[in-house]
PDB file of N, CA and C in Angstrom:
ATOM      1  N   MET A   1      -7.461  -5.647  -4.082  1.00  0.00           N
ATOM      2  CA  MET A   1      -6.940  -6.972  -4.330  1.00  0.00           C
ATOM      3  C   MET A   1      -6.400  -7.609  -3.059  1.00  0.00           C
ATOM      4  N   PHE A   2      -5.770  -6.827  -2.178  1.00  0.00           N
ATOM      5  CA  PHE A   2      -5.205  -7.388  -0.966  1.00  0.00           C
ATOM      6  C   PHE A   2      -6.125  -7.211   0.241  1.00  0.00           C
ATOM      7  N   GLY A   3      -7.290  -6.642   0.045  1.00  0.00           N
ATOM      8  CA  GLY A   3      -8.250  -6.504   1.132  1.00  0.00           C
ATOM      9  C   GLY A   3      -7.865  -5.417   2.111  1.00  0.00           C
ATOM     10  N   ASP A   4      -8.645  -5.355   3.208  1.00  0.00           N
ATOM     11  CA  ASP A   4      -8.426  -4.315   4.205  1.00  0.00           C
ATOM     12  C   ASP A   4      -7.189  -4.567   5.059  1.00  0.00           C
ATOM     13  N   GLY A   5      -6.826  -5.832   5.273  1.00  0.00           N
ATOM     14  CA  GLY A   5      -5.679  -6.146   6.111  1.00  0.00           C
ATOM     15  C   GLY A   5      -4.392  -6.151   5.311  1.00  0.00           C
ATOM     16  N   LYS A   6      -4.083  -5.042   4.654  1.00  0.00           N
ATOM     17  CA  LYS A   6      -2.897  -4.969   3.812  1.00  0.00           C
ATOM     18  C   LYS A   6      -1.643  -5.316   4.614  1.00  0.00           C
ATOM     19  N   THR A   7      -0.754  -6.014   3.966  1.00  0.00           N
ATOM     20  CA  THR A   7       0.532  -6.335   4.578  1.00  0.00           C
ATOM     21  C   THR A   7       1.669  -5.686   3.792  1.00  0.00           C
ATOM     22  N   GLY A   8       1.319  -4.770   2.925  1.00  0.00           N
ATOM     23  CA  GLY A   8       2.308  -4.085   2.105  1.00  0.00           C
ATOM     24  C   GLY A   8       1.601  -3.292   1.032  1.00  0.00           C
ATOM     25  N   GLU A   9       2.349  -2.923   0.003  1.00  0.00           N
ATOM     26  CA  GLU A   9       1.748  -2.145  -1.076  1.00  0.00           C
ATOM     27  C   GLU A   9       2.358  -2.529  -2.422  1.00  0.00           C
ATOM     28  N   LEU A  10       1.627  -2.221  -3.478  1.00  0.00           N
ATOM     29  CA  LEU A  10       2.137  -2.424  -4.830  1.00  0.00           C
ATOM     30  C   LEU A  10       2.818  -1.142  -5.272  1.00  0.00           C
ATOM     31  N   VAL A  11       4.049  -1.278  -5.768  1.00  0.00           N
ATOM     32  CA  VAL A  11       4.799  -0.108  -6.215  1.00  0.00           C
ATOM     33  C   VAL A  11       5.175  -0.297  -7.678  1.00  0.00           C
ATOM     34  N   PRO A  12       5.211   0.789  -8.450  1.00  0.00           N
ATOM     35  CA  PRO A  12       5.596   0.659  -9.857  1.00  0.00           C
ATOM     36  C   PRO A  12       7.091   0.376  -9.984  1.00  0.00           C
ATOM     37  N   ILE A  13       7.424  -0.512 -10.925  1.00  0.00           N
ATOM     38  CA  ILE A  13       8.817  -0.796 -11.248  1.00  0.00           C
ATOM     39  C   ILE A  13       8.960  -0.769 -12.761  1.00  0.00           C
ATOM     40  N   SER A  14      10.165  -0.537 -13.236  1.00  0.00           N
ATOM     41  CA  SER A  14      10.397  -0.531 -14.680  1.00  0.00           C
ATOM     42  C   SER A  14      11.829  -0.959 -14.951  1.00  0.00           C
ATOM     43  N   GLY A  15      12.083  -1.301 -16.189  1.00  0.00           N
ATOM     44  CA  GLY A  15      13.412  -1.719 -16.590  1.00  0.00           C
ATOM     45  C   GLY A  15      13.472  -1.851 -18.095  1.00  0.00           C
ATOM     46  N   THR A  16      14.564  -2.411 -18.559  1.00  0.00           N
ATOM     47  CA  THR A  16      14.737  -2.612 -19.989  1.00  0.00           C
ATOM     48  C   THR A  16      15.226  -4.028 -20.227  1.00  0.00           C
ATOM     49  N   ASP A  17      14.502  -4.750 -21.041  1.00  0.00           N
ATOM     50  CA  ASP A  17      14.890  -6.093 -21.453  1.00  0.00           C
ATOM     51  C   ASP A  17      15.719  -5.959 -22.723  1.00  0.00           C
ATOM     52  N   PRO A  18      16.867  -6.645 -22.823  1.00  0.00           N
ATOM     53  CA  PRO A  18      17.699  -6.492 -24.016  1.00  0.00           C
ATOM     54  C   PRO A  18      16.996  -6.898 -25.302  1.00  0.00           C
ATOM     55  N   VAL A  19      16.016  -7.787 -25.213  1.00  0.00           N
ATOM     56  CA  VAL A  19      15.325  -8.263 -26.410  1.00  0.00           C
ATOM     57  C   VAL A  19      14.019  -7.515 -26.634  1.00  0.00           C
ATOM     58  N   ARG A  20      13.241  -7.354 -25.583  1.00  0.00           N
ATOM     59  CA  ARG A  20      11.892  -6.781 -25.721  1.00  0.00           C
ATOM     60  C   ARG A  20      11.814  -5.294 -25.443  1.00  0.00           C
ATOM     61  N   GLY A  21      12.886  -4.700 -24.958  1.00  0.00           N
ATOM     62  CA  GLY A  21      12.881  -3.268 -24.720  1.00  0.00           C
ATOM     63  C   GLY A  21      12.359  -2.884 -23.350  1.00  0.00           C
ATOM     64  N   PRO A  22      11.930  -1.634 -23.185  1.00  0.00           N
ATOM     65  CA  PRO A  22      11.473  -1.146 -21.885  1.00  0.00           C
ATOM     66  C   PRO A  22      10.195  -1.848 -21.418  1.00  0.00           C
ATOM     67  N   TRP A  23      10.079  -1.988 -20.106  1.00  0.00           N
ATOM     68  CA  TRP A  23       8.877  -2.587 -19.537  1.00  0.00           C
ATOM     69  C   TRP A  23       8.525  -1.872 -18.239  1.00  0.00           C
ATOM     70  N   GLN A  24       7.255  -1.969 -17.875  1.00  0.00           N
ATOM     71  CA  GLN A  24       6.763  -1.426 -16.611  1.00  0.00           C
ATOM     72  C   GLN A  24       5.872  -2.476 -15.973  1.00  0.00           C
ATOM     73  N   HIS A  25       5.936  -2.554 -14.671  1.00  0.00           N
ATOM     74  CA  HIS A  25       5.129  -3.525 -13.947  1.00  0.00           C
ATOM     75  C   HIS A  25       4.943  -3.012 -12.532  1.00  0.00           C
ATOM     76  N   ARG A  26       4.340  -3.827 -11.689  1.00  0.00           N
ATOM     77  CA  ARG A  26       4.186  -3.491 -10.278  1.00  0.00           C
ATOM     78  C   ARG A  26       4.792  -4.608  -9.453  1.00  0.00           C
ATOM     79  N   ALA A  27       5.404  -4.247  -8.339  1.00  0.00           N
ATOM     80  CA  ALA A  27       5.991  -5.215  -7.418  1.00  0.00           C
ATOM     81  C   ALA A  27       5.335  -5.034  -6.054  1.00  0.00           C
ATOM     82  N   PHE A  28       5.222  -6.136  -5.317  1.00  0.00           N
ATOM     83  CA  PHE A  28       4.678  -6.078  -3.965  1.00  0.00           C
ATOM     84  C   PHE A  28       5.802  -5.761  -2.999  1.00  0.00           C
ATOM     85  N   LEU A  29       5.665  -4.683  -2.258  1.00  0.00           N
ATOM     86  CA  LEU A  29       6.631  -4.280  -1.248  1.00  0.00           C
ATOM     87  C   LEU A  29       6.003  -4.547   0.120  1.00  0.00           C
ATOM     88  N   PRO A  30       6.458  -5.590   0.819  1.00  0.00           N
ATOM     89  CA  PRO A  30       5.820  -5.931   2.100  1.00  0.00           C
ATOM     90  C   PRO A  30       6.152  -4.932   3.191  1.00  0.00           C
ATOM     91  N   ASP A  31       5.237  -4.802   4.147  1.00  0.00           N
ATOM     92  CA  ASP A  31       5.504  -3.997   5.330  1.00  0.00           C
ATOM     93  C   ASP A  31       6.629  -4.658   6.122  1.00  0.00           C
ATOM     94  N   PRO A  32       7.407  -3.885   6.879  1.00  0.00           N
ATOM     95  CA  PRO A  32       8.470  -4.489   7.697  1.00  0.00           C
ATOM     96  C   PRO A  32       7.880  -5.443   8.733  1.00  0.00           C
ATOM     97  N   LEU A  33       8.660  -6.459   9.058  1.00  0.00           N
ATOM     98  CA  LEU A  33       8.228  -7.401  10.086  1.00  0.00           C
ATOM     99  C   LEU A  33       8.281  -6.717  11.446  1.00  0.00           C
ATOM    100  N   PRO A  34       7.405  -7.116  12.371  1.00  0.00           N
ATOM    101  CA  PRO A  34       7.435  -6.510  13.703  1.00  0.00           C
ATOM    102  C   PRO A  34       8.727  -6.881  14.436  1.00  0.00           C
ATOM    103  N   GLU A  35       9.106  -6.062  15.406  1.00  0.00           N
ATOM    104  CA  GLU A  35      10.323  -6.298  16.180  1.00  0.00           C
ATOM    105  C   GLU A  35      10.204  -7.557  17.039  1.00  0.00           C
ATOM    106  N   GLN A  36       9.012  -7.805  17.566  1.00  0.00           N
ATOM    107  CA  GLN A  36       8.809  -8.951  18.449  1.00  0.00           C
ATOM    108  C   GLN A  36       8.275 -10.141  17.676  1.00  0.00           C
ATOM    109  N   SER A  37       8.667 -11.328  18.104  1.00  0.00           N
ATOM    110  CA  SER A  37       8.133 -12.547  17.515  1.00  0.00           C
ATOM    111  C   SER A  37       6.674 -12.697  17.913  1.00  0.00           C
ATOM    112  N   PRO A  38       5.877 -13.328  17.066  1.00  0.00           N
ATOM    113  CA  PRO A  38       4.468 -13.515  17.426  1.00  0.00           C
ATOM    114  C   PRO A  38       4.330 -14.519  18.563  1.00  0.00           C
ATOM    115  N   ASP A  39       3.244 -14.409  19.299  1.00  0.00           N
ATOM    116  CA  ASP A  39       2.952 -15.382  20.348  1.00  0.00           C
ATOM    117  C   ASP A  39       2.532 -16.687  19.687  1.00  0.00           C
ATOM    118  N   LEU A  40       3.208 -17.757  20.038  1.00  0.00           N
ATOM    119  CA  LEU A  40       2.909 -19.064  19.469  1.00  0.00           C
ATOM    120  C   LEU A  40       2.381 -19.991  20.551  1.00  0.00           C
ATOM    121  N   THR A  41       1.565 -20.931  20.134  1.00  0.00           N
ATOM    122  CA  THR A  41       1.034 -21.909  21.089  1.00  0.00           C
ATOM    123  C   THR A  41       2.120 -22.926  21.424  1.00  0.00           C
ATOM    124  N   GLY A  42       1.900 -23.678  22.476  1.00  0.00           N
ATOM    125  CA  GLY A  42       2.834 -24.724  22.856  1.00  0.00           C
ATOM    126  C   GLY A  42       2.992 -25.764  21.753  1.00  0.00           C
ATOM    127  N   ALA A  43       1.885 -26.080  21.064  1.00  0.00           N
ATOM    128  CA  ALA A  43       1.945 -27.056  19.976  1.00  0.00           C
ATOM    129  C   ALA A  43       2.829 -26.556  18.851  1.00  0.00           C
ATOM    130  N   THR A  44       2.749 -25.262  18.553  1.00  0.00           N
ATOM    131  CA  THR A  44       3.580 -24.695  17.489  1.00  0.00           C
ATOM    132  C   THR A  44       5.050 -24.735  17.886  1.00  0.00           C
ATOM    133  N   TYR A  45       5.362 -24.405  19.142  1.00  0.00           N
ATOM    134  CA  TYR A  45       6.745 -24.480  19.601  1.00  0.00           C
ATOM    135  C   TYR A  45       7.287 -25.903  19.505  1.00  0.00           C
ATOM    136  N   ARG A  46       6.459 -26.891  19.814  1.00  0.00           N
ATOM    137  CA  ARG A  46       6.904 -28.290  19.715  1.00  0.00           C
ATOM    138  C   ARG A  46       7.181 -28.665  18.266  1.00  0.00           C
ATOM    139  N   ILE A  47       6.348 -28.203  17.336  1.00  0.00           N
ATOM    140  CA  ILE A  47       6.572 -28.487  15.909  1.00  0.00           C
ATOM    141  C   ILE A  47       7.884 -27.851  15.448  1.00  0.00           C
ATOM    142  N   VAL A  48       8.124 -26.607  15.865  1.00  0.00           N
ATOM    143  CA  VAL A  48       9.372 -25.929  15.504  1.00  0.00           C
ATOM    144  C   VAL A  48      10.571 -26.661  16.114  1.00  0.00           C
ATOM    145  N   ALA A  49      10.453 -27.088  17.365  1.00  0.00           N
ATOM    146  CA  ALA A  49      11.546 -27.811  18.017  1.00  0.00           C
ATOM    147  C   ALA A  49      11.818 -29.133  17.305  1.00  0.00           C
ATOM    148  N   ASN A  50      10.773 -29.836  16.897  1.00  0.00           N
ATOM    149  CA  ASN A  50      10.954 -31.100  16.168  1.00  0.00           C
ATOM    150  C   ASN A  50      11.624 -30.855  14.817  1.00  0.00           C
ATOM    151  N   ALA A  51      11.241 -29.776  14.138  1.00  0.00           N
ATOM    152  CA  ALA A  51      11.861 -29.451  12.849  1.00  0.00           C
ATOM    153  C   ALA A  51      13.335 -29.118  13.036  1.00  0.00           C
ATOM    154  N   ARG A  52      13.661 -28.359  14.074  1.00  0.00           N
ATOM    155  CA  ARG A  52      15.066 -28.035  14.339  1.00  0.00           C
ATOM    156  C   ARG A  52      15.867 -29.292  14.651  1.00  0.00           C
ATOM    157  N   ALA A  53      15.277 -30.211  15.409  1.00  0.00           N
ATOM    158  CA  ALA A  53      15.970 -31.456  15.727  1.00  0.00           C
ATOM    159  C   ALA A  53      16.207 -32.279  14.464  1.00  0.00           C
ATOM    160  N   ALA A  54      15.215 -32.310  13.572  1.00  0.00           N
ATOM    161  CA  ALA A  54      15.377 -33.055  12.317  1.00  0.00           C
ATOM    162  C   ALA A  54      16.461 -32.433  11.449  1.00  0.00           C
ATOM    163  N   LEU A  55      16.512 -31.100  11.391  1.00  0.00           N
ATOM    164  CA  LEU A  55      17.566 -30.431  10.619  1.00  0.00           C
ATOM    165  C   LEU A  55      18.941 -30.684  11.231  1.00  0.00           C
ATOM    166  N   ALA A  56      19.032 -30.699  12.557  1.00  0.00           N
ATOM    167  CA  ALA A  56      20.308 -30.988  13.219  1.00  0.00           C
ATOM    168  C   ALA A  56      20.758 -32.408  12.919  1.00  0.00           C
ATOM    169  N   ALA A  57      19.816 -33.356  12.925  1.00  0.00           N
ATOM    170  CA  ALA A  57      20.156 -34.742  12.604  1.00  0.00           C
ATOM    171  C   ALA A  57      20.616 -34.863  11.158  1.00  0.00           C
ATOM    172  N   LEU A  58      19.947 -34.169  10.259  1.00  0.00           N
ATOM    173  CA  LEU A  58      20.348 -34.185   8.853  1.00  0.00           C
ATOM    174  C   LEU A  58      21.738 -33.581   8.690  1.00  0.00           C
ATOM    175  N   ASP A  59      21.998 -32.469   9.354  1.00  0.00           N
ATOM    176  CA  ASP A  59      23.307 -31.826   9.283  1.00  0.00           C
ATOM    177  C   ASP A  59      24.387 -32.762   9.825  1.00  0.00           C
ATOM    178  N   SER A  60      24.111 -33.410  10.927  1.00  0.00           N
ATOM    179  CA  SER A  60      25.076 -34.340  11.518  1.00  0.00           C
ATOM    180  C   SER A  60      25.379 -35.494  10.574  1.00  0.00           C
ATOM    181  N   THR A  61      24.352 -36.028   9.942  1.00  0.00           N
ATOM    182  CA  THR A  61      24.535 -37.136   9.000  1.00  0.00           C
ATOM    183  C   THR A  61      25.301 -36.669   7.773  1.00  0.00           C
ATOM    184  N   ALA A  62      24.961 -35.490   7.261  1.00  0.00           N
ATOM    185  CA  ALA A  62      25.622 -34.975   6.069  1.00  0.00           C
ATOM    186  C   ALA A  62      27.098 -34.738   6.313  1.00  0.00           C
ATOM    187  N   ARG A  63      27.468 -34.365   7.531  1.00  0.00           N
ATOM    188  CA  ARG A  63      28.880 -34.126   7.843  1.00  0.00           C
ATOM    189  C   ARG A  63      29.694 -35.419   7.817  1.00  0.00           C
ATOM    190  N   GLN A  64      29.028 -36.564   7.900  1.00  0.00           N
ATOM    191  CA  GLN A  64      29.734 -37.842   7.874  1.00  0.00           C
ATOM    192  C   GLN A  64      29.959 -38.360   6.451  1.00  0.00           C
ATOM    193  N   LEU A  65      29.325 -37.736   5.470  1.00  0.00           N
ATOM    194  CA  LEU A  65      29.489 -38.185   4.100  1.00  0.00           C
ATOM    195  C   LEU A  65      30.886 -37.836   3.597  1.00  0.00           C
ATOM    196  N   PRO A  66      31.540 -38.753   2.892  1.00  0.00           N
ATOM    197  CA  PRO A  66      32.863 -38.444   2.366  1.00  0.00           C
ATOM    198  C   PRO A  66      32.819 -37.373   1.275  1.00  0.00           C
ATOM    199  N   ASN A  67      31.718 -37.317   0.513  1.00  0.00           N
ATOM    200  CA  ASN A  67      31.581 -36.327  -0.557  1.00  0.00           C
ATOM    201  C   ASN A  67      30.116 -35.889  -0.631  1.00  0.00           C
ATOM    202  N   PRO A  68      29.738 -34.842   0.115  1.00  0.00           N
ATOM    203  CA  PRO A  68      28.334 -34.395   0.134  1.00  0.00           C
ATOM    204  C   PRO A  68      27.807 -33.986  -1.238  1.00  0.00           C
ATOM    205  N   ARG A  69      28.700 -33.646  -2.166  1.00  0.00           N
ATOM    206  CA  ARG A  69      28.260 -33.244  -3.506  1.00  0.00           C
ATOM    207  C   ARG A  69      27.542 -34.379  -4.229  1.00  0.00           C
ATOM    208  N   LEU A  70      27.817 -35.610  -3.821  1.00  0.00           N
ATOM    209  CA  LEU A  70      27.152 -36.739  -4.465  1.00  0.00           C
ATOM    210  C   LEU A  70      25.639 -36.660  -4.306  1.00  0.00           C
ATOM    211  N   LEU A  71      25.184 -36.115  -3.202  1.00  0.00           N
ATOM    212  CA  LEU A  71      23.738 -35.941  -2.980  1.00  0.00           C
ATOM    213  C   LEU A  71      23.270 -34.556  -3.424  1.00  0.00           C
ATOM    214  N   ARG A  72      24.123 -33.561  -3.290  1.00  0.00           N
ATOM    215  CA  ARG A  72      23.713 -32.191  -3.583  1.00  0.00           C
ATOM    216  C   ARG A  72      23.494 -31.960  -5.073  1.00  0.00           C
ATOM    217  N   ARG A  73      24.379 -32.439  -5.911  1.00  0.00           N
ATOM    218  CA  ARG A  73      24.270 -32.167  -7.345  1.00  0.00           C
ATOM    219  C   ARG A  73      22.968 -32.698  -7.941  1.00  0.00           C
ATOM    220  N   PRO A  74      22.584 -33.970  -7.693  1.00  0.00           N
ATOM    221  CA  PRO A  74      21.303 -34.428  -8.254  1.00  0.00           C
ATOM    222  C   PRO A  74      20.106 -33.650  -7.704  1.00  0.00           C
ATOM    223  N   THR A  75      20.196 -33.256  -6.440  1.00  0.00           N
ATOM    224  CA  THR A  75      19.098 -32.484  -5.850  1.00  0.00           C
ATOM    225  C   THR A  75      18.975 -31.126  -6.525  1.00  0.00           C
ATOM    226  N   LEU A  76      20.104 -30.469  -6.777  1.00  0.00           N
ATOM    227  CA  LEU A  76      20.066 -29.174  -7.456  1.00  0.00           C
ATOM    228  C   LEU A  76      19.541 -29.315  -8.876  1.00  0.00           C
ATOM    229  N   ARG A  77      19.914 -30.385  -9.549  1.00  0.00           N
ATOM    230  CA  ARG A  77      19.416 -30.596 -10.914  1.00  0.00           C
ATOM    231  C   ARG A  77      17.912 -30.829 -10.911  1.00  0.00           C
ATOM    232  N   HIS A  78      17.447 -31.593  -9.947  1.00  0.00           N
ATOM    233  CA  HIS A  78      16.006 -31.853  -9.852  1.00  0.00           C
ATOM    234  C   HIS A  78      15.256 -30.559  -9.566  1.00  0.00           C
ATOM    235  N   GLU A  79      15.813 -29.727  -8.682  1.00  0.00           N
ATOM    236  CA  GLU A  79      15.171 -28.441  -8.373  1.00  0.00           C
ATOM    237  C   GLU A  79      15.164 -27.546  -9.605  1.00  0.00           C
ATOM    238  N   ALA A  80      16.241 -27.536 -10.366  1.00  0.00           N
ATOM    239  CA  ALA A  80      16.298 -26.721 -11.586  1.00  0.00           C
ATOM    240  C   ALA A  80      15.257 -27.185 -12.590  1.00  0.00           C
ATOM    241  N   GLN A  81      15.100 -28.484 -12.708  1.00  0.00           N
ATOM    242  CA  GLN A  81      14.098 -29.035 -13.631  1.00  0.00           C
ATOM    243  C   GLN A  81      12.696 -28.644 -13.180  1.00  0.00           C
ATOM    244  N   SER A  82      12.444 -28.689 -11.892  1.00  0.00           N
ATOM    245  CA  SER A  82      11.117 -28.337 -11.370  1.00  0.00           C
ATOM    246  C   SER A  82      10.797 -26.867 -11.591  1.00  0.00           C
ATOM    247  N   THR A  83      11.758 -25.979 -11.318  1.00  0.00           N
ATOM    248  CA  THR A  83      11.485 -24.557 -11.499  1.00  0.00           C
ATOM    249  C   THR A  83      11.389 -24.196 -12.972  1.00  0.00           C
ATOM    250  N   SER A  84      12.096 -24.911 -13.835  1.00  0.00           N
ATOM    251  CA  SER A  84      11.967 -24.668 -15.274  1.00  0.00           C
ATOM    252  C   SER A  84      10.547 -24.957 -15.720  1.00  0.00           C
ATOM    253  N   ALA A  85       9.969 -26.011 -15.169  1.00  0.00           N
ATOM    254  CA  ALA A  85       8.594 -26.358 -15.529  1.00  0.00           C
ATOM    255  C   ALA A  85       7.642 -25.226 -15.153  1.00  0.00           C
ATOM    256  N   LEU A  86       7.897 -24.555 -14.035  1.00  0.00           N
ATOM    257  CA  LEU A  86       7.054 -23.422 -13.643  1.00  0.00           C
ATOM    258  C   LEU A  86       7.151 -22.291 -14.651  1.00  0.00           C
ATOM    259  N   GLU A  87       8.304 -22.153 -15.283  1.00  0.00           N
ATOM    260  CA  GLU A  87       8.506 -21.094 -16.264  1.00  0.00           C
ATOM    261  C   GLU A  87       8.035 -21.487 -17.658  1.00  0.00           C
ATOM    262  N   GLY A  88       7.551 -22.714 -17.800  1.00  0.00           N
ATOM    263  CA  GLY A  88       7.039 -23.160 -19.087  1.00  0.00           C
ATOM    264  C   GLY A  88       8.091 -23.760 -19.999  1.00  0.00           C
ATOM    265  N   THR A  89       9.254 -24.086 -19.466  1.00  0.00           N
ATOM    266  CA  THR A  89      10.316 -24.689 -20.276  1.00  0.00           C
ATOM    267  C   THR A  89      10.630 -26.080 -19.736  1.00  0.00           C
ATOM    268  N   TYR A  90       9.634 -26.932 -19.732  1.00  0.00           N
ATOM    269  CA  TYR A  90       9.750 -28.254 -19.117  1.00  0.00           C
ATOM    270  C   TYR A  90      10.687 -29.171 -19.896  1.00  0.00           C
ATOM    271  N   GLU A  91      11.562 -29.825 -19.173  1.00  0.00           N
ATOM    272  CA  GLU A  91      12.398 -30.893 -19.697  1.00  0.00           C
ATOM    273  C   GLU A  91      12.309 -32.040 -18.704  1.00  0.00           C
ATOM    274  N   PRO A  92      12.134 -33.260 -19.169  1.00  0.00           N
ATOM    275  CA  PRO A  92      12.121 -34.392 -18.238  1.00  0.00           C
ATOM    276  C   PRO A  92      13.453 -34.488 -17.494  1.00  0.00           C
ATOM    277  N   LEU A  93      13.392 -34.927 -16.247  1.00  0.00           N
ATOM    278  CA  LEU A  93      14.591 -35.015 -15.416  1.00  0.00           C
ATOM    279  C   LEU A  93      15.668 -35.871 -16.067  1.00  0.00           C
ATOM    280  N   GLU A  94      15.272 -36.938 -16.754  1.00  0.00           N
ATOM    281  CA  GLU A  94      16.253 -37.814 -17.393  1.00  0.00           C
ATOM    282  C   GLU A  94      17.099 -37.034 -18.413  1.00  0.00           C
ATOM    283  N   ARG A  95      16.459 -36.138 -19.188  1.00  0.00           N
ATOM    284  CA  ARG A  95      17.195 -35.355 -20.182  1.00  0.00           C
ATOM    285  C   ARG A  95      18.096 -34.316 -19.508  1.00  0.00           C
ATOM    286  N   VAL A  96      17.639 -33.768 -18.382  1.00  0.00           N
ATOM    287  CA  VAL A  96      18.464 -32.815 -17.652  1.00  0.00           C
ATOM    288  C   VAL A  96      19.723 -33.513 -17.130  1.00  0.00           C
ATOM    289  N   LEU A  97      19.568 -34.714 -16.591  1.00  0.00           N
ATOM    290  CA  LEU A  97      20.713 -35.441 -16.054  1.00  0.00           C
ATOM    291  C   LEU A  97      21.677 -35.857 -17.154  1.00  0.00           C
ATOM    292  N   VAL A  98      21.153 -36.295 -18.302  1.00  0.00           N
ATOM    293  CA  VAL A  98      22.010 -36.684 -19.411  1.00  0.00           C
ATOM    294  C   VAL A  98      22.771 -35.477 -19.933  1.00  0.00           C
ATOM    295  N   ALA A  99      22.111 -34.342 -20.081  1.00  0.00           N
ATOM    296  CA  ALA A  99      22.756 -33.134 -20.588  1.00  0.00           C
ATOM    297  C   ALA A  99      23.832 -32.645 -19.629  1.00  0.00           C
ATOM    298  N   ALA A 100      23.621 -32.820 -18.339  1.00  0.00           N
ATOM    299  CA  ALA A 100      24.605 -32.355 -17.342  1.00  0.00           C
ATOM    300  C   ALA A 100      25.869 -33.197 -17.381  1.00  0.00           C
ATOM    301  N   ASP A 101      25.779 -34.437 -17.845  1.00  0.00           N
ATOM    302  CA  ASP A 101      26.948 -35.309 -17.914  1.00  0.00           C
ATOM    303  C   ASP A 101      27.779 -35.067 -19.147  1.00  0.00           C
ATOM    304  N   ASP A 102      27.234 -34.377 -20.149  1.00  0.00           N
ATOM    305  CA  ASP A 102      27.981 -34.134 -21.399  1.00  0.00           C
ATOM    306  C   ASP A 102      29.078 -33.133 -21.219  1.00  0.00           C
TER     307      ASP A 102
END
């Protein structure tokens, strides 16, 4: 399944679900990362530098907000709604926001 260039292995795991009882599955255990960073091209370094600069600018701007939670809470709710959809328990964002205010 992972081809010849394996980057880890599948290992058996097990546990007990309070509702469904014992279960067994497999988990992917990745190989450790190398000690040295990979060689990157100049273009890749520039992209990383631009991303770091953008994050620094965002951090600087966020520090000027009187109440950063005003932006963080809706973002966390939106992320929760998105990940719920991945799990098959979709709720429209409007209902998530209304329920959070109750």
